[in-house]
Amino acid sequence: MPSPRGPLSELLLDRLATAPGRLFAAPDPGDAEDLHLSLYLCYELHYRGLPGVDDRWEWQPTLLDVRARLEERSEAELLDAVPRTREDVPPEEMDLALREIEDADDGPSLSRHLERHGTLEQFREFLVHRSAYQLKEADPHSWALPRLWGPPKAAMVEIQVDEYGGGRPERIHAELFARSMAALGLDREYGAYLDHLPAVTLRTVNLMSLLGLHRRLRGAIVGHLALFEMTSSIPNRRYGDGLRRLGQGGDATEFFDEHVEADAVHEAVAAVDLAGGLVRQDPALATDVLWGARCLARVEADWGEAVLDAWERGESSLRVPLADTAVPA
């Protein structure tokens, strides 16, 4: 379990260690760190749970009330940064609309930095940041499956089958990422680095959980996944090449090399069959599909900028530098 970051996460960590019961007078989060850790803890109960926490907390009504308050604040901040405006995009043009969002990203490239200049320590920090999602890769998007039907559902299943290794547990992408972490001397255990992750990183994962867990946002999680697949292949090639520049290979690069090939295939399925197919069924969802994609672009840009800024200052990009912890033998 992580350390608290403010009054709300302190209360949650204290109460979750006890038998499920009512939460009284839960305070507002102190800042972004407190908000996003608290929200992450609430969401994690819907994934693999939390160490030592009774699974019955998952549906405890007063805890869900706290989560709803945090979601309202988080979604309001997203809407301030990425307004949701009506967009009437024909289904056959959805891939072009998503491509415009991809092309609009003109910020500094984290993948290009790691490919050309990244140090081994920076790659280790990068893997720690990404572990919050990659060790449960595809799970947030899979919440959408029971909310889809027909061609969009088939398209999402086609993508997710590859993410889950095509029935081979050793090829599950989360497992490939865990092996990359171990190859670079990191702890591959799920949740091992939660204390290290700043709010700007937790926010990227909380966005997926927010969109995936709410049926009203099914269009947005589809847009998120579509843009995620469309923008993955080239950065992953760069990450793999950067690791090879540093003399790494095998388990260290396999995750990234796998995504160069897989996501190049998924790109058209996600944009045309999934996103376009959903809008073909329900044209009113075009606005949400594109909003979800823009939210992804914004939170990823904010995260990448924060990481690069820290490195340019000669500092760790993590809340707790890796040098301050040891990897279990």
C-alpha atoms as a PDB file:
ATOM      1  CA  MET A   1       0.000   0.000   0.000  1.00  0.00           C
ATOM      2  CA  PRO A   2       1.290   3.506  -0.783  1.00  0.00           C
ATOM      3  CA  SER A   3       1.881   6.368   1.597  1.00  0.00           C
ATOM      4  CA  PRO A   4      -0.858   9.024   1.831  1.00  0.00           C
ATOM      5  CA  ARG A   5      -0.489  12.297  -0.056  1.00  0.00           C
ATOM      6  CA  GLY A   6      -3.119  14.393   1.693  1.00  0.00           C
ATOM      7  CA  PRO A   7      -6.171  14.259   3.952  1.00  0.00           C
ATOM      8  CA  LEU A   8      -8.392  12.160   1.682  1.00  0.00           C
ATOM      9  CA  SER A   9      -5.846   9.497   0.726  1.00  0.00           C
ATOM     10  CA  GLU A  10      -4.838   9.299   4.398  1.00  0.00           C
ATOM     11  CA  LEU A  11      -8.447   8.612   5.394  1.00  0.00           C
ATOM     12  CA  LEU A  12      -8.942   6.055   2.611  1.00  0.00           C
ATOM     13  CA  LEU A  13      -5.761   4.157   3.410  1.00  0.00           C
ATOM     14  CA  ASP A  14      -6.700   4.083   7.084  1.00  0.00           C
ATOM     15  CA  ARG A  15     -10.287   2.911   6.520  1.00  0.00           C
ATOM     16  CA  LEU A  16      -9.563   0.430   3.725  1.00  0.00           C
ATOM     17  CA  ALA A  17      -7.329  -1.483   6.143  1.00  0.00           C
ATOM     18  CA  THR A  18     -10.421  -2.234   8.272  1.00  0.00           C
ATOM     19  CA  ALA A  19     -13.645  -4.153   7.721  1.00  0.00           C
ATOM     20  CA  PRO A  20     -15.999  -2.556   5.160  1.00  0.00           C
ATOM     21  CA  GLY A  21     -18.228   0.089   6.657  1.00  0.00           C
ATOM     22  CA  ARG A  22     -19.525   3.591   6.202  1.00  0.00           C
ATOM     23  CA  LEU A  23     -17.190   6.497   5.452  1.00  0.00           C
ATOM     24  CA  PHE A  24     -18.145   9.598   7.400  1.00  0.00           C
ATOM     25  CA  ALA A  25     -17.128  13.190   6.611  1.00  0.00           C
ATOM     26  CA  ALA A  26     -14.573  12.346   3.932  1.00  0.00           C
ATOM     27  CA  PRO A  27     -12.539  15.521   3.306  1.00  0.00           C
ATOM     28  CA  ASP A  28     -11.915  17.058  -0.087  1.00  0.00           C
ATOM     29  CA  PRO A  29      -8.552  16.123  -1.627  1.00  0.00           C
ATOM     30  CA  GLY A  30      -5.776  18.487  -0.664  1.00  0.00           C
ATOM     31  CA  ASP A  31      -4.224  18.811  -4.124  1.00  0.00           C
ATOM     32  CA  ALA A  32      -3.756  16.936  -7.402  1.00  0.00           C
ATOM     33  CA  GLU A  33      -1.495  14.346  -5.763  1.00  0.00           C
ATOM     34  CA  ASP A  34      -4.117  13.579  -3.123  1.00  0.00           C
ATOM     35  CA  LEU A  35      -6.931  13.542  -5.689  1.00  0.00           C
ATOM     36  CA  HIS A  36      -5.319  11.200  -8.180  1.00  0.00           C
ATOM     37  CA  LEU A  37      -3.937   8.772  -5.606  1.00  0.00           C
ATOM     38  CA  SER A  38      -7.361   8.615  -3.936  1.00  0.00           C
ATOM     39  CA  LEU A  39      -9.106   8.061  -7.254  1.00  0.00           C
ATOM     40  CA  TYR A  40      -6.534   5.452  -8.266  1.00  0.00           C
ATOM     41  CA  LEU A  41      -7.144   3.566  -5.000  1.00  0.00           C
ATOM     42  CA  CYS A  42     -10.912   3.610  -5.584  1.00  0.00           C
ATOM     43  CA  TYR A  43     -10.515   2.348  -9.127  1.00  0.00           C
ATOM     44  CA  GLU A  44      -7.997  -0.339  -8.200  1.00  0.00           C
ATOM     45  CA  LEU A  45     -10.710  -2.121  -6.223  1.00  0.00           C
ATOM     46  CA  HIS A  46     -12.326  -2.884  -9.615  1.00  0.00           C
ATOM     47  CA  TYR A  47      -9.115  -4.398 -10.984  1.00  0.00           C
ATOM     48  CA  ARG A  48      -6.869  -6.630  -8.854  1.00  0.00           C
ATOM     49  CA  GLY A  49      -7.792  -5.100  -5.534  1.00  0.00           C
ATOM     50  CA  LEU A  50      -5.438  -3.666  -2.927  1.00  0.00           C
ATOM     51  CA  PRO A  51      -3.135  -5.599  -0.564  1.00  0.00           C
ATOM     52  CA  GLY A  52      -4.891  -6.495   2.648  1.00  0.00           C
ATOM     53  CA  VAL A  53      -8.157  -4.786   1.600  1.00  0.00           C
ATOM     54  CA  ASP A  54     -11.441  -6.690   1.884  1.00  0.00           C
ATOM     55  CA  ASP A  55     -12.957  -7.126  -1.598  1.00  0.00           C
ATOM     56  CA  ARG A  56     -16.355  -6.066  -0.238  1.00  0.00           C
ATOM     57  CA  TRP A  57     -15.106  -2.457  -0.233  1.00  0.00           C
ATOM     58  CA  GLU A  58     -15.503  -2.470  -4.030  1.00  0.00           C
ATOM     59  CA  TRP A  59     -19.258  -1.809  -3.855  1.00  0.00           C
ATOM     60  CA  GLN A  60     -19.498  -0.073  -0.473  1.00  0.00           C
ATOM     61  CA  PRO A  61     -22.001   2.751  -1.148  1.00  0.00           C
ATOM     62  CA  THR A  62     -20.304   5.539   0.796  1.00  0.00           C
ATOM     63  CA  LEU A  63     -16.953   4.741  -0.836  1.00  0.00           C
ATOM     64  CA  LEU A  64     -18.684   4.916  -4.223  1.00  0.00           C
ATOM     65  CA  ASP A  65     -20.028   8.333  -3.172  1.00  0.00           C
ATOM     66  CA  VAL A  66     -16.460   9.485  -2.494  1.00  0.00           C
ATOM     67  CA  ARG A  67     -15.357   8.112  -5.855  1.00  0.00           C
ATOM     68  CA  ALA A  68     -18.202   9.935  -7.597  1.00  0.00           C
ATOM     69  CA  ARG A  69     -17.106  13.246  -6.027  1.00  0.00           C
ATOM     70  CA  LEU A  70     -13.553  12.680  -7.221  1.00  0.00           C
ATOM     71  CA  GLU A  71     -14.767  11.748 -10.692  1.00  0.00           C
ATOM     72  CA  GLU A  72     -16.873  14.898 -10.923  1.00  0.00           C
ATOM     73  CA  ARG A  73     -13.866  17.032 -10.080  1.00  0.00           C
ATOM     74  CA  SER A  74     -11.551  15.111 -12.413  1.00  0.00           C
ATOM     75  CA  GLU A  75     -14.030  15.236 -15.304  1.00  0.00           C
ATOM     76  CA  ALA A  76     -14.637  18.961 -14.753  1.00  0.00           C
ATOM     77  CA  GLU A  77     -10.892  19.581 -14.996  1.00  0.00           C
ATOM     78  CA  LEU A  78     -10.756  17.521 -18.182  1.00  0.00           C
ATOM     79  CA  LEU A  79     -13.604  19.517 -19.689  1.00  0.00           C
ATOM     80  CA  ASP A  80     -11.816  22.761 -18.850  1.00  0.00           C
ATOM     81  CA  ALA A  81      -8.700  21.521 -20.630  1.00  0.00           C
ATOM     82  CA  VAL A  82     -10.496  19.671 -23.443  1.00  0.00           C
ATOM     83  CA  PRO A  83     -13.980  21.091 -24.079  1.00  0.00           C
ATOM     84  CA  ARG A  84     -16.562  18.658 -25.413  1.00  0.00           C
ATOM     85  CA  THR A  85     -18.065  20.338 -28.471  1.00  0.00           C
ATOM     86  CA  ARG A  86     -20.567  18.785 -30.863  1.00  0.00           C
ATOM     87  CA  GLU A  87     -18.893  17.226 -33.890  1.00  0.00           C
ATOM     88  CA  ASP A  88     -20.950  15.672 -36.666  1.00  0.00           C
ATOM     89  CA  VAL A  89     -18.390  13.451 -38.358  1.00  0.00           C
ATOM     90  CA  PRO A  90     -19.618  10.813 -40.843  1.00  0.00           C
ATOM     91  CA  PRO A  91     -18.535   7.277 -39.940  1.00  0.00           C
ATOM     92  CA  GLU A  92     -16.444   6.944 -43.084  1.00  0.00           C
ATOM     93  CA  GLU A  93     -14.436  10.029 -42.071  1.00  0.00           C
ATOM     94  CA  MET A  94     -13.793   9.027 -38.465  1.00  0.00           C
ATOM     95  CA  ASP A  95     -10.288   7.751 -39.223  1.00  0.00           C
ATOM     96  CA  LEU A  96      -9.414  11.109 -40.820  1.00  0.00           C
ATOM     97  CA  ALA A  97     -10.784  13.030 -37.834  1.00  0.00           C
ATOM     98  CA  LEU A  98      -8.725  10.900 -35.454  1.00  0.00           C
ATOM     99  CA  ARG A  99      -5.656  11.393 -37.644  1.00  0.00           C
ATOM    100  CA  GLU A 100      -6.087  15.160 -37.350  1.00  0.00           C
ATOM    101  CA  ILE A 101      -5.900  14.837 -33.574  1.00  0.00           C
ATOM    102  CA  GLU A 102      -2.720  12.794 -33.890  1.00  0.00           C
ATOM    103  CA  ASP A 103      -1.173  15.291 -36.307  1.00  0.00           C
ATOM    104  CA  ALA A 104      -2.033  18.231 -34.018  1.00  0.00           C
ATOM    105  CA  ASP A 105       0.482  17.033 -31.411  1.00  0.00           C
ATOM    106  CA  ASP A 106       3.506  19.260 -31.966  1.00  0.00           C
ATOM    107  CA  GLY A 107       4.968  19.080 -28.472  1.00  0.00           C
ATOM    108  CA  PRO A 108       8.367  17.644 -27.490  1.00  0.00           C
ATOM    109  CA  SER A 109       8.690  13.933 -28.240  1.00  0.00           C
ATOM    110  CA  LEU A 110       9.582  11.709 -25.314  1.00  0.00           C
ATOM    111  CA  SER A 111      10.035   8.716 -27.612  1.00  0.00           C
ATOM    112  CA  ARG A 112      12.462  10.620 -29.831  1.00  0.00           C
ATOM    113  CA  HIS A 113      14.468  11.731 -26.799  1.00  0.00           C
ATOM    114  CA  LEU A 114      14.735   8.178 -25.470  1.00  0.00           C
ATOM    115  CA  GLU A 115      15.626   6.838 -28.909  1.00  0.00           C
ATOM    116  CA  ARG A 116      18.488   9.272 -29.449  1.00  0.00           C
ATOM    117  CA  HIS A 117      19.669  10.516 -26.069  1.00  0.00           C
ATOM    118  CA  GLY A 118      17.987   8.553 -23.280  1.00  0.00           C
ATOM    119  CA  THR A 119      20.157   7.035 -20.584  1.00  0.00           C
ATOM    120  CA  LEU A 120      19.554   3.648 -19.027  1.00  0.00           C
ATOM    121  CA  GLU A 121      18.368   5.357 -15.844  1.00  0.00           C
ATOM    122  CA  GLN A 122      15.863   7.425 -17.837  1.00  0.00           C
ATOM    123  CA  PHE A 123      14.564   4.262 -19.497  1.00  0.00           C
ATOM    124  CA  ARG A 124      14.146   2.694 -16.067  1.00  0.00           C
ATOM    125  CA  GLU A 125      12.126   5.706 -14.915  1.00  0.00           C
ATOM    126  CA  PHE A 126      10.066   5.536 -18.107  1.00  0.00           C
ATOM    127  CA  LEU A 127       9.183   1.899 -17.420  1.00  0.00           C
ATOM    128  CA  VAL A 128       8.215   2.731 -13.844  1.00  0.00           C
ATOM    129  CA  HIS A 129       5.850   5.467 -15.066  1.00  0.00           C
ATOM    130  CA  ARG A 130       4.308   3.165 -17.643  1.00  0.00           C
ATOM    131  CA  SER A 131       3.967   0.238 -15.220  1.00  0.00           C
ATOM    132  CA  ALA A 132       0.822   1.819 -13.739  1.00  0.00           C
ATOM    133  CA  TYR A 133      -0.986   0.953 -16.967  1.00  0.00           C
ATOM    134  CA  GLN A 134       1.125  -1.570 -18.842  1.00  0.00           C
ATOM    135  CA  LEU A 135       0.969  -4.167 -16.056  1.00  0.00           C
ATOM    136  CA  LYS A 136      -2.791  -4.205 -16.611  1.00  0.00           C
ATOM    137  CA  GLU A 137      -2.627  -3.353 -20.288  1.00  0.00           C
ATOM    138  CA  ALA A 138      -5.979  -3.510 -22.118  1.00  0.00           C
ATOM    139  CA  ASP A 139      -8.031  -4.033 -18.939  1.00  0.00           C
ATOM    140  CA  PRO A 140      -9.490  -0.480 -18.763  1.00  0.00           C
ATOM    141  CA  HIS A 141     -10.585  -0.669 -22.397  1.00  0.00           C
ATOM    142  CA  SER A 142     -12.135  -4.095 -21.906  1.00  0.00           C
ATOM    143  CA  TRP A 143     -14.799  -2.539 -19.654  1.00  0.00           C
ATOM    144  CA  ALA A 144     -16.377  -1.334 -22.923  1.00  0.00           C
ATOM    145  CA  LEU A 145     -16.969  -4.812 -24.346  1.00  0.00           C
ATOM    146  CA  PRO A 146     -20.363  -5.525 -22.716  1.00  0.00           C
ATOM    147  CA  ARG A 147     -21.512  -2.056 -23.788  1.00  0.00           C
ATOM    148  CA  LEU A 148     -20.854  -2.681 -27.472  1.00  0.00           C
ATOM    149  CA  TRP A 149     -22.533  -4.990 -29.959  1.00  0.00           C
ATOM    150  CA  GLY A 150     -22.201  -6.016 -33.567  1.00  0.00           C
ATOM    151  CA  PRO A 151     -19.253  -4.824 -35.704  1.00  0.00           C
ATOM    152  CA  PRO A 152     -17.701  -2.436 -33.099  1.00  0.00           C
ATOM    153  CA  LYS A 153     -17.681  -5.212 -30.514  1.00  0.00           C
ATOM    154  CA  ALA A 154     -16.056  -7.622 -32.962  1.00  0.00           C
ATOM    155  CA  ALA A 155     -13.415  -4.992 -33.790  1.00  0.00           C
ATOM    156  CA  MET A 156     -12.584  -4.406 -30.132  1.00  0.00           C
ATOM    157  CA  VAL A 157     -12.353  -8.141 -29.482  1.00  0.00           C
ATOM    158  CA  GLU A 158      -9.959  -8.483 -32.417  1.00  0.00           C
ATOM    159  CA  ILE A 159      -7.680  -5.878 -30.838  1.00  0.00           C
ATOM    160  CA  GLN A 160      -7.996  -7.206 -27.292  1.00  0.00           C
ATOM    161  CA  VAL A 161      -7.242 -10.806 -28.281  1.00  0.00           C
ATOM    162  CA  ASP A 162      -3.768  -9.690 -29.340  1.00  0.00           C
ATOM    163  CA  GLU A 163      -3.343  -7.605 -26.166  1.00  0.00           C
ATOM    164  CA  TYR A 164      -4.053 -10.729 -24.115  1.00  0.00           C
ATOM    165  CA  GLY A 165      -1.584 -12.869 -26.004  1.00  0.00           C
ATOM    166  CA  GLY A 166      -3.957 -14.722 -28.312  1.00  0.00           C
ATOM    167  CA  GLY A 167      -4.575 -17.321 -25.615  1.00  0.00           C
ATOM    168  CA  ARG A 168      -0.885 -17.737 -24.733  1.00  0.00           C
ATOM    169  CA  PRO A 169      -0.196 -16.415 -21.212  1.00  0.00           C
ATOM    170  CA  GLU A 170       3.489 -15.847 -21.905  1.00  0.00           C
ATOM    171  CA  ARG A 171       2.513 -13.509 -24.790  1.00  0.00           C
ATOM    172  CA  ILE A 172       0.098 -11.331 -22.790  1.00  0.00           C
ATOM    173  CA  HIS A 173       1.380  -7.806 -23.307  1.00  0.00           C
ATOM    174  CA  ALA A 174       1.348  -7.079 -19.570  1.00  0.00           C
ATOM    175  CA  GLU A 175       3.635 -10.078 -19.100  1.00  0.00           C
ATOM    176  CA  LEU A 176       5.975  -8.868 -21.860  1.00  0.00           C
ATOM    177  CA  PHE A 177       6.182  -5.502 -20.095  1.00  0.00           C
ATOM    178  CA  ALA A 178       6.907  -7.168 -16.751  1.00  0.00           C
ATOM    179  CA  ARG A 179       9.808  -8.992 -18.390  1.00  0.00           C
ATOM    180  CA  SER A 180      11.113  -5.686 -19.776  1.00  0.00           C
ATOM    181  CA  MET A 181      11.069  -4.259 -16.256  1.00  0.00           C
ATOM    182  CA  ALA A 182      12.944  -7.242 -14.835  1.00  0.00           C
ATOM    183  CA  ALA A 183      15.535  -7.056 -17.640  1.00  0.00           C
ATOM    184  CA  LEU A 184      16.332  -3.481 -16.562  1.00  0.00           C
ATOM    185  CA  GLY A 185      16.679  -4.441 -12.917  1.00  0.00           C
ATOM    186  CA  LEU A 186      13.237  -3.243 -11.819  1.00  0.00           C
ATOM    187  CA  ASP A 187      10.654  -4.895  -9.595  1.00  0.00           C
ATOM    188  CA  ARG A 188       8.105  -6.443 -11.950  1.00  0.00           C
ATOM    189  CA  GLU A 189       5.399  -6.889  -9.299  1.00  0.00           C
ATOM    190  CA  TYR A 190       2.051  -5.210  -9.916  1.00  0.00           C
ATOM    191  CA  GLY A 191       1.798  -1.939  -7.985  1.00  0.00           C
ATOM    192  CA  ALA A 192       5.359  -2.042  -6.681  1.00  0.00           C
ATOM    193  CA  TYR A 193       6.076   1.567  -7.690  1.00  0.00           C
ATOM    194  CA  LEU A 194       2.827   3.308  -6.765  1.00  0.00           C
ATOM    195  CA  ASP A 195       4.605   5.545  -4.250  1.00  0.00           C
ATOM    196  CA  HIS A 196       6.972   6.693  -7.009  1.00  0.00           C
ATOM    197  CA  LEU A 197       4.281   7.799  -9.461  1.00  0.00           C
ATOM    198  CA  PRO A 198       3.327  11.503  -9.531  1.00  0.00           C
ATOM    199  CA  ALA A 199      -0.212  12.710 -10.114  1.00  0.00           C
ATOM    200  CA  VAL A 200       0.520  13.515 -13.760  1.00  0.00           C
ATOM    201  CA  THR A 201       1.180   9.784 -14.324  1.00  0.00           C
ATOM    202  CA  LEU A 202      -1.747   8.492 -12.259  1.00  0.00           C
ATOM    203  CA  ARG A 203      -3.982  10.870 -14.193  1.00  0.00           C
ATOM    204  CA  THR A 204      -3.245   9.028 -17.454  1.00  0.00           C
ATOM    205  CA  VAL A 205      -4.457   5.762 -15.925  1.00  0.00           C
ATOM    206  CA  ASN A 206      -7.392   7.286 -14.049  1.00  0.00           C
ATOM    207  CA  LEU A 207      -8.644   8.708 -17.344  1.00  0.00           C
ATOM    208  CA  MET A 208      -8.913   5.219 -18.810  1.00  0.00           C
ATOM    209  CA  SER A 209     -10.730   3.914 -15.744  1.00  0.00           C
ATOM    210  CA  LEU A 210     -13.132   6.861 -15.743  1.00  0.00           C
ATOM    211  CA  LEU A 211     -14.029   6.374 -19.399  1.00  0.00           C
ATOM    212  CA  GLY A 212     -14.154   2.598 -19.223  1.00  0.00           C
ATOM    213  CA  LEU A 213     -16.272   2.230 -16.085  1.00  0.00           C
ATOM    214  CA  HIS A 214     -19.121   4.501 -17.200  1.00  0.00           C
ATOM    215  CA  ARG A 215     -21.508   3.397 -19.922  1.00  0.00           C
ATOM    216  CA  ARG A 216     -22.354   7.034 -20.714  1.00  0.00           C
ATOM    217  CA  LEU A 217     -18.690   7.450 -21.740  1.00  0.00           C
ATOM    218  CA  ARG A 218     -18.482   4.367 -23.962  1.00  0.00           C
ATOM    219  CA  GLY A 219     -17.865   6.553 -27.000  1.00  0.00           C
ATOM    220  CA  ALA A 220     -14.984   8.267 -25.241  1.00  0.00           C
ATOM    221  CA  ILE A 221     -13.244   5.014 -24.252  1.00  0.00           C
ATOM    222  CA  VAL A 222     -13.563   3.852 -27.863  1.00  0.00           C
ATOM    223  CA  GLY A 223     -11.969   7.109 -29.054  1.00  0.00           C
ATOM    224  CA  HIS A 224      -9.240   6.726 -26.445  1.00  0.00           C
ATOM    225  CA  LEU A 225      -8.421   3.196 -27.601  1.00  0.00           C
ATOM    226  CA  ALA A 226      -8.559   4.136 -31.280  1.00  0.00           C
ATOM    227  CA  LEU A 227      -6.065   6.980 -30.912  1.00  0.00           C
ATOM    228  CA  PHE A 228      -3.950   4.886 -28.531  1.00  0.00           C
ATOM    229  CA  GLU A 229      -3.537   2.225 -31.218  1.00  0.00           C
ATOM    230  CA  MET A 230      -3.013   4.771 -33.995  1.00  0.00           C
ATOM    231  CA  THR A 231      -0.170   6.518 -32.153  1.00  0.00           C
ATOM    232  CA  SER A 232       1.645   3.512 -30.701  1.00  0.00           C
ATOM    233  CA  SER A 233       3.681   1.844 -33.430  1.00  0.00           C
ATOM    234  CA  ILE A 234       6.265   4.566 -34.159  1.00  0.00           C
ATOM    235  CA  PRO A 235       7.010   5.482 -30.506  1.00  0.00           C
ATOM    236  CA  ASN A 236       7.463   1.818 -29.620  1.00  0.00           C
ATOM    237  CA  ARG A 237       9.938   1.379 -32.468  1.00  0.00           C
ATOM    238  CA  ARG A 238      11.873   4.323 -31.063  1.00  0.00           C
ATOM    239  CA  TYR A 239      11.860   2.888 -27.540  1.00  0.00           C
ATOM    240  CA  GLY A 240      13.156  -0.437 -28.803  1.00  0.00           C
ATOM    241  CA  ASP A 241      15.857   1.244 -30.879  1.00  0.00           C
ATOM    242  CA  GLY A 242      16.884   3.391 -27.916  1.00  0.00           C
ATOM    243  CA  LEU A 243      17.295   0.336 -25.722  1.00  0.00           C
ATOM    244  CA  ARG A 244      19.359  -1.389 -28.412  1.00  0.00           C
ATOM    245  CA  ARG A 245      21.558   1.718 -28.614  1.00  0.00           C
ATOM    246  CA  LEU A 246      22.282   1.122 -24.928  1.00  0.00           C
ATOM    247  CA  GLY A 247      23.180  -2.512 -25.521  1.00  0.00           C
ATOM    248  CA  GLN A 248      19.855  -3.973 -24.429  1.00  0.00           C
ATOM    249  CA  GLY A 249      17.905  -6.670 -26.242  1.00  0.00           C
ATOM    250  CA  GLY A 250      15.890  -9.811 -25.648  1.00  0.00           C
ATOM    251  CA  ASP A 251      13.387  -9.367 -22.834  1.00  0.00           C
ATOM    252  CA  ALA A 252      14.199  -5.651 -22.549  1.00  0.00           C
ATOM    253  CA  THR A 253      13.004  -4.861 -26.078  1.00  0.00           C
ATOM    254  CA  GLU A 254      10.475  -7.612 -26.851  1.00  0.00           C
ATOM    255  CA  PHE A 255       7.485  -5.672 -25.490  1.00  0.00           C
ATOM    256  CA  PHE A 256       8.257  -2.672 -27.697  1.00  0.00           C
ATOM    257  CA  ASP A 257       9.058  -4.735 -30.778  1.00  0.00           C
ATOM    258  CA  GLU A 258       5.778  -6.633 -30.373  1.00  0.00           C
ATOM    259  CA  HIS A 259       3.833  -3.360 -30.383  1.00  0.00           C
ATOM    260  CA  VAL A 260       5.515  -2.093 -33.538  1.00  0.00           C
ATOM    261  CA  GLU A 261       3.952  -4.961 -35.462  1.00  0.00           C
ATOM    262  CA  ALA A 262       0.713  -5.475 -33.534  1.00  0.00           C
ATOM    263  CA  ASP A 263      -0.355  -1.838 -33.358  1.00  0.00           C
ATOM    264  CA  ALA A 264       0.384  -1.253 -37.030  1.00  0.00           C
ATOM    265  CA  VAL A 265      -2.273  -3.913 -37.685  1.00  0.00           C
ATOM    266  CA  HIS A 266      -4.634  -2.602 -35.009  1.00  0.00           C
ATOM    267  CA  GLU A 267      -4.536   0.959 -36.319  1.00  0.00           C
ATOM    268  CA  ALA A 268      -7.010   0.468 -39.165  1.00  0.00           C
ATOM    269  CA  VAL A 269      -9.254  -1.838 -37.126  1.00  0.00           C
ATOM    270  CA  ALA A 270      -9.441   0.697 -34.288  1.00  0.00           C
ATOM    271  CA  ALA A 271     -10.072   3.751 -36.458  1.00  0.00           C
ATOM    272  CA  VAL A 272     -12.329   2.317 -39.170  1.00  0.00           C
ATOM    273  CA  ASP A 273     -14.075  -0.730 -37.701  1.00  0.00           C
ATOM    274  CA  LEU A 274     -14.234   0.227 -34.021  1.00  0.00           C
ATOM    275  CA  ALA A 275     -14.584   4.014 -33.922  1.00  0.00           C
ATOM    276  CA  GLY A 276     -16.181   4.338 -37.363  1.00  0.00           C
ATOM    277  CA  GLY A 277     -18.395   1.328 -36.706  1.00  0.00           C
ATOM    278  CA  LEU A 278     -19.671   2.754 -33.417  1.00  0.00           C
ATOM    279  CA  VAL A 279     -20.523   6.086 -35.027  1.00  0.00           C
ATOM    280  CA  ARG A 280     -22.259   4.236 -37.847  1.00  0.00           C
ATOM    281  CA  GLN A 281     -24.520   2.613 -35.235  1.00  0.00           C
ATOM    282  CA  ASP A 282     -25.044   5.837 -33.282  1.00  0.00           C
ATOM    283  CA  PRO A 283     -23.978   9.069 -35.048  1.00  0.00           C
ATOM    284  CA  ALA A 284     -24.529  11.060 -31.836  1.00  0.00           C
ATOM    285  CA  LEU A 285     -21.494   9.332 -30.300  1.00  0.00           C
ATOM    286  CA  ALA A 286     -19.056  11.003 -32.727  1.00  0.00           C
ATOM    287  CA  THR A 287     -18.606  13.879 -30.279  1.00  0.00           C
ATOM    288  CA  ASP A 288     -17.661  11.549 -27.424  1.00  0.00           C
ATOM    289  CA  VAL A 289     -15.355   9.417 -29.588  1.00  0.00           C
ATOM    290  CA  LEU A 290     -13.324  12.468 -30.575  1.00  0.00           C
ATOM    291  CA  TRP A 291     -13.444  13.938 -27.062  1.00  0.00           C
ATOM    292  CA  GLY A 292     -11.998  10.722 -25.625  1.00  0.00           C
ATOM    293  CA  ALA A 293      -9.209  10.817 -28.197  1.00  0.00           C
ATOM    294  CA  ARG A 294      -8.428  14.459 -27.407  1.00  0.00           C
ATOM    295  CA  CYS A 295      -8.369  13.715 -23.671  1.00  0.00           C
ATOM    296  CA  LEU A 296      -5.795  10.994 -24.317  1.00  0.00           C
ATOM    297  CA  ALA A 297      -3.673  13.378 -26.388  1.00  0.00           C
ATOM    298  CA  ARG A 298      -3.839  16.057 -23.675  1.00  0.00           C
ATOM    299  CA  VAL A 299      -2.982  13.931 -20.635  1.00  0.00           C
ATOM    300  CA  GLU A 300      -0.188  12.163 -22.509  1.00  0.00           C
ATOM    301  CA  ALA A 301       1.267  15.495 -23.646  1.00  0.00           C
ATOM    302  CA  ASP A 302       1.145  16.843 -20.077  1.00  0.00           C
ATOM    303  CA  TRP A 303       2.831  13.706 -18.777  1.00  0.00           C
ATOM    304  CA  GLY A 304       5.564  13.668 -21.435  1.00  0.00           C
ATOM    305  CA  GLU A 305       6.302  17.346 -20.895  1.00  0.00           C
ATOM    306  CA  ALA A 306       6.607  16.846 -17.133  1.00  0.00           C
ATOM    307  CA  VAL A 307       9.016  13.930 -17.588  1.00  0.00           C
ATOM    308  CA  LEU A 308      11.209  15.763 -20.093  1.00  0.00           C
ATOM    309  CA  ASP A 309      11.241  18.950 -17.996  1.00  0.00           C
ATOM    310  CA  ALA A 310      12.519  16.997 -14.991  1.00  0.00           C
ATOM    311  CA  TRP A 311      15.242  15.338 -17.022  1.00  0.00           C
ATOM    312  CA  GLU A 312      16.317  18.647 -18.541  1.00  0.00           C
ATOM    313  CA  ARG A 313      16.760  19.957 -14.983  1.00  0.00           C
ATOM    314  CA  GLY A 314      18.911  16.946 -14.178  1.00  0.00           C
ATOM    315  CA  GLU A 315      16.268  15.613 -11.767  1.00  0.00           C
ATOM    316  CA  SER A 316      14.301  12.412 -11.409  1.00  0.00           C
ATOM    317  CA  SER A 317      10.867  12.489 -13.041  1.00  0.00           C
ATOM    318  CA  LEU A 318       9.473  10.311 -10.230  1.00  0.00           C
ATOM    319  CA  ARG A 319       8.046  11.404  -6.863  1.00  0.00           C
ATOM    320  CA  VAL A 320      10.524   9.092  -5.167  1.00  0.00           C
ATOM    321  CA  PRO A 321      13.743   8.538  -7.150  1.00  0.00           C
ATOM    322  CA  LEU A 322      14.654   4.935  -7.845  1.00  0.00           C
ATOM    323  CA  ALA A 323      17.960   5.473  -6.075  1.00  0.00           C
ATOM    324  CA  ASP A 324      16.001   5.749  -2.824  1.00  0.00           C
ATOM    325  CA  THR A 325      14.640   2.194  -3.070  1.00  0.00           C
ATOM    326  CA  ALA A 326      16.012  -1.281  -3.609  1.00  0.00           C
ATOM    327  CA  VAL A 327      14.662  -4.021  -5.839  1.00  0.00           C
ATOM    328  CA  PRO A 328      13.762  -7.187  -3.886  1.00  0.00           C
ATOM    329  CA  ALA A 329      16.200 -10.040  -4.474  1.00  0.00           C
END
